[in-house]
C-alpha cells in the first residue's frame, strides 16, 4: 500500500520532465565520450576522433529533421537522420555505446597479439575489463538510477 499523501507528491510539469530527460541524455553522452577518449587515447590522439555532432536541418522542399554525425579516423563517416532531437540524442548515445563495446571486445579478444606486437603491456589487460564495466554502468544509467562509474586509477 502506498503511504504517500497528495501533499507528499510534487508533480513536475511536462516541460520540466522533458528538460530533465534531455539533460540526463546529454550527461550520458559526455560520460560516454570521456570513456571513448580514455580508450582511444591509449595509443594516440587524433582530434577528429573526439568530435561528434547533432545538427538541425531546415529545408524548403521537405520536412526538416535532425542528424547525428561523426567523421573521424577510427570511426569514419557516421551519419544518421532522426525526426526529433530526442531521437538524435538517443541515436548518438546508442552509436557510441555500440562502437565502444566493439573496440573493447576486439582489444580484449586480441590482447595477447597486442602484447606480442608491443602495442600494450600485460599490466594493461585489466584496464580494458574496467572500461567494459564502465560501459555497462553507462548503459544501465540510461534506464536506472545508478551511481556514476568510477574512473580507473592509471
Protein backbone atom coordinates (compact mmCIF):
# COMPACT_ATOMS: atom_id res chain seq x y z
CA UNK A 1 0.00 0.00 0.00
CA UNK A 2 1.23 3.46 -0.89
CA UNK A 3 1.68 5.64 2.18
CA UNK A 4 2.18 8.85 0.22
CA UNK A 5 -0.40 11.53 0.54
CA UNK A 6 -1.21 14.05 -2.14
CA UNK A 7 0.90 16.62 -0.31
CA UNK A 8 3.97 14.29 -0.42
CA UNK A 9 3.99 14.06 -4.20
CA UNK A 10 5.03 17.12 -6.14
CA UNK A 11 4.19 16.70 -9.78
CA UNK A 12 6.54 18.19 -12.32
CA UNK A 13 5.18 19.79 -15.40
CA UNK A 14 5.87 18.08 -18.75
CA UNK A 15 8.37 20.74 -19.84
CA UNK A 16 10.41 20.26 -16.67
CA UNK A 17 10.40 16.48 -17.14
CA UNK A 18 11.47 16.91 -20.77
CA UNK A 19 14.35 19.19 -19.78
CA UNK A 20 15.48 16.66 -17.17
CA UNK A 21 15.42 13.88 -19.79
CA UNK A 22 17.47 15.99 -22.22
CA UNK A 23 19.97 16.97 -19.51
CA UNK A 24 20.28 13.33 -18.42
CA UNK A 25 20.91 12.13 -22.00
CA UNK A 26 23.44 14.90 -22.67
CA UNK A 27 25.28 13.93 -19.46
CA UNK A 28 25.34 10.30 -20.57
CA UNK A 29 26.77 11.32 -23.93
CA UNK A 30 29.50 13.37 -22.22
CA UNK A 31 30.37 10.45 -19.92
CA UNK A 32 30.36 8.03 -22.85
CA UNK A 33 32.65 10.37 -24.81
CA UNK A 34 35.02 10.51 -21.81
CA UNK A 35 35.21 6.69 -21.91
CA UNK A 36 35.76 6.79 -25.69
CA UNK A 37 38.64 9.22 -25.21
CA UNK A 38 40.21 7.06 -22.49
CA UNK A 39 40.13 4.09 -24.85
CA UNK A 40 41.46 5.76 -27.99
CA UNK A 41 43.92 7.94 -26.07
CA UNK A 42 45.88 4.82 -25.07
CA UNK A 43 47.54 4.71 -28.46
CA UNK A 44 47.50 8.21 -29.88
CA UNK A 45 45.22 11.21 -30.07
CA UNK A 46 43.61 12.39 -33.26
CA UNK A 47 41.40 15.43 -32.80
CA UNK A 48 38.79 14.33 -35.35
CA UNK A 49 38.08 11.22 -33.28
CA UNK A 50 36.85 13.35 -30.37
CA UNK A 51 34.07 15.36 -32.05
CA UNK A 52 30.50 14.18 -32.58
CA UNK A 53 27.64 16.37 -33.75
CA UNK A 54 23.88 16.75 -33.82
CA UNK A 55 22.51 19.35 -36.19
CA UNK A 56 19.10 20.59 -37.30
CA UNK A 57 18.16 20.72 -40.96
CA UNK A 58 15.69 23.22 -42.34
CA UNK A 59 14.54 22.70 -45.89
CA UNK A 60 12.29 24.48 -48.35
CA UNK A 61 11.19 21.27 -50.06
CA UNK A 62 10.95 18.62 -47.32
CA UNK A 63 10.32 18.38 -43.60
CA UNK A 64 13.42 19.21 -41.62
CA UNK A 65 14.99 16.78 -39.25
CA UNK A 66 17.97 16.09 -37.07
CA UNK A 67 21.23 14.42 -37.99
CA UNK A 68 23.82 12.86 -35.71
CA UNK A 69 27.21 12.54 -37.38
CA UNK A 70 30.93 11.99 -36.94
CA UNK A 71 33.84 11.71 -39.33
CA UNK A 72 36.94 10.57 -37.50
CA UNK A 73 39.93 8.46 -38.29
CA UNK A 74 38.76 5.49 -36.22
CA UNK A 75 35.01 5.79 -36.81
CA UNK A 76 34.57 7.02 -40.35
CA UNK A 77 31.53 8.59 -41.98
CA UNK A 78 28.81 8.03 -39.37
CA UNK A 79 25.64 9.89 -40.29
CA UNK A 80 22.12 9.07 -39.21
CA UNK A 81 18.92 11.09 -39.60
CA UNK A 82 16.19 11.34 -36.98
CA UNK A 83 12.81 13.08 -36.90
CA UNK A 84 13.35 14.58 -33.42
CA UNK A 85 16.19 15.96 -31.33
CA UNK A 86 15.43 13.44 -28.60
CA UNK A 87 15.78 10.55 -31.04
CA UNK A 88 19.04 12.03 -32.34
CA UNK A 89 20.43 12.19 -28.79
CA UNK A 90 19.47 8.59 -28.15
CA UNK A 91 20.78 7.53 -31.56
CA UNK A 92 24.17 9.12 -30.93
CA UNK A 93 24.35 7.55 -27.48
CA UNK A 94 23.49 4.12 -28.90
CA UNK A 95 26.05 4.50 -31.70
CA UNK A 96 28.81 5.48 -29.27
CA UNK A 97 27.98 2.67 -26.84
CA UNK A 98 27.97 0.04 -29.60
CA UNK A 99 31.29 1.23 -31.05
CA UNK A 100 32.93 1.36 -27.63
CA UNK A 101 31.74 -2.19 -26.90
CA UNK A 102 33.18 -3.34 -30.23
CA UNK A 103 36.52 -1.62 -29.59
CA UNK A 104 36.87 -3.02 -26.06
CA UNK A 105 35.81 -6.54 -27.09
CA UNK A 106 38.18 -6.60 -30.04
CA UNK A 107 41.07 -5.40 -27.90
CA UNK A 108 40.36 -7.93 -25.12
CA UNK A 109 40.00 -10.80 -27.61
CA UNK A 110 43.27 -9.92 -29.33
CA UNK A 111 45.17 -8.74 -26.27
CA UNK A 112 47.83 -11.45 -26.43
CA UNK A 113 48.61 -10.44 -30.01
CA UNK A 114 48.81 -6.77 -28.96
CA UNK A 115 51.28 -7.66 -26.19
CA UNK A 116 53.44 -9.69 -28.60
CA UNK A 117 53.41 -6.80 -31.08
CA UNK A 118 54.40 -4.35 -28.36
CA UNK A 119 51.22 -2.25 -28.55
CA UNK A 120 50.29 -2.96 -24.93
CA UNK A 121 51.93 -4.30 -21.81
CA UNK A 122 50.46 -7.26 -19.96
CA UNK A 123 49.68 -4.97 -17.00
CA UNK A 124 47.23 -3.03 -19.18
CA UNK A 125 44.93 -6.02 -19.74
CA UNK A 126 42.85 -5.26 -16.64
CA UNK A 127 42.19 -1.68 -17.74
CA UNK A 128 40.12 -2.90 -20.69
CA UNK A 129 37.98 -5.02 -18.38
CA UNK A 130 37.46 -1.89 -16.28
CA UNK A 131 36.48 0.00 -19.43
CA UNK A 132 33.85 -2.65 -20.17
CA UNK A 133 32.49 -2.30 -16.64
CA UNK A 134 32.28 1.49 -17.09
CA UNK A 135 30.36 0.96 -20.32
CA UNK A 136 27.94 -1.45 -18.63
CA UNK A 137 27.25 1.16 -15.95
CA UNK A 138 26.70 3.86 -18.58
CA UNK A 139 24.19 1.66 -20.38
CA UNK A 140 22.39 0.89 -17.11
CA UNK A 141 22.25 4.62 -16.29
CA UNK A 142 20.05 5.11 -19.35
CA UNK A 143 17.31 3.16 -17.61
CA UNK A 144 18.10 3.07 -13.89
CA UNK A 145 19.30 5.48 -11.24
CA UNK A 146 22.75 4.04 -10.55
CA UNK A 147 25.92 5.60 -9.25
CA UNK A 148 28.30 7.17 -11.75
CA UNK A 149 31.05 4.85 -12.84
CA UNK A 150 34.42 5.10 -11.18
CA UNK A 151 37.31 6.38 -13.24
CA UNK A 152 40.17 3.90 -13.36
CA UNK A 153 43.34 4.74 -11.48
CA UNK A 154 46.17 4.93 -14.00
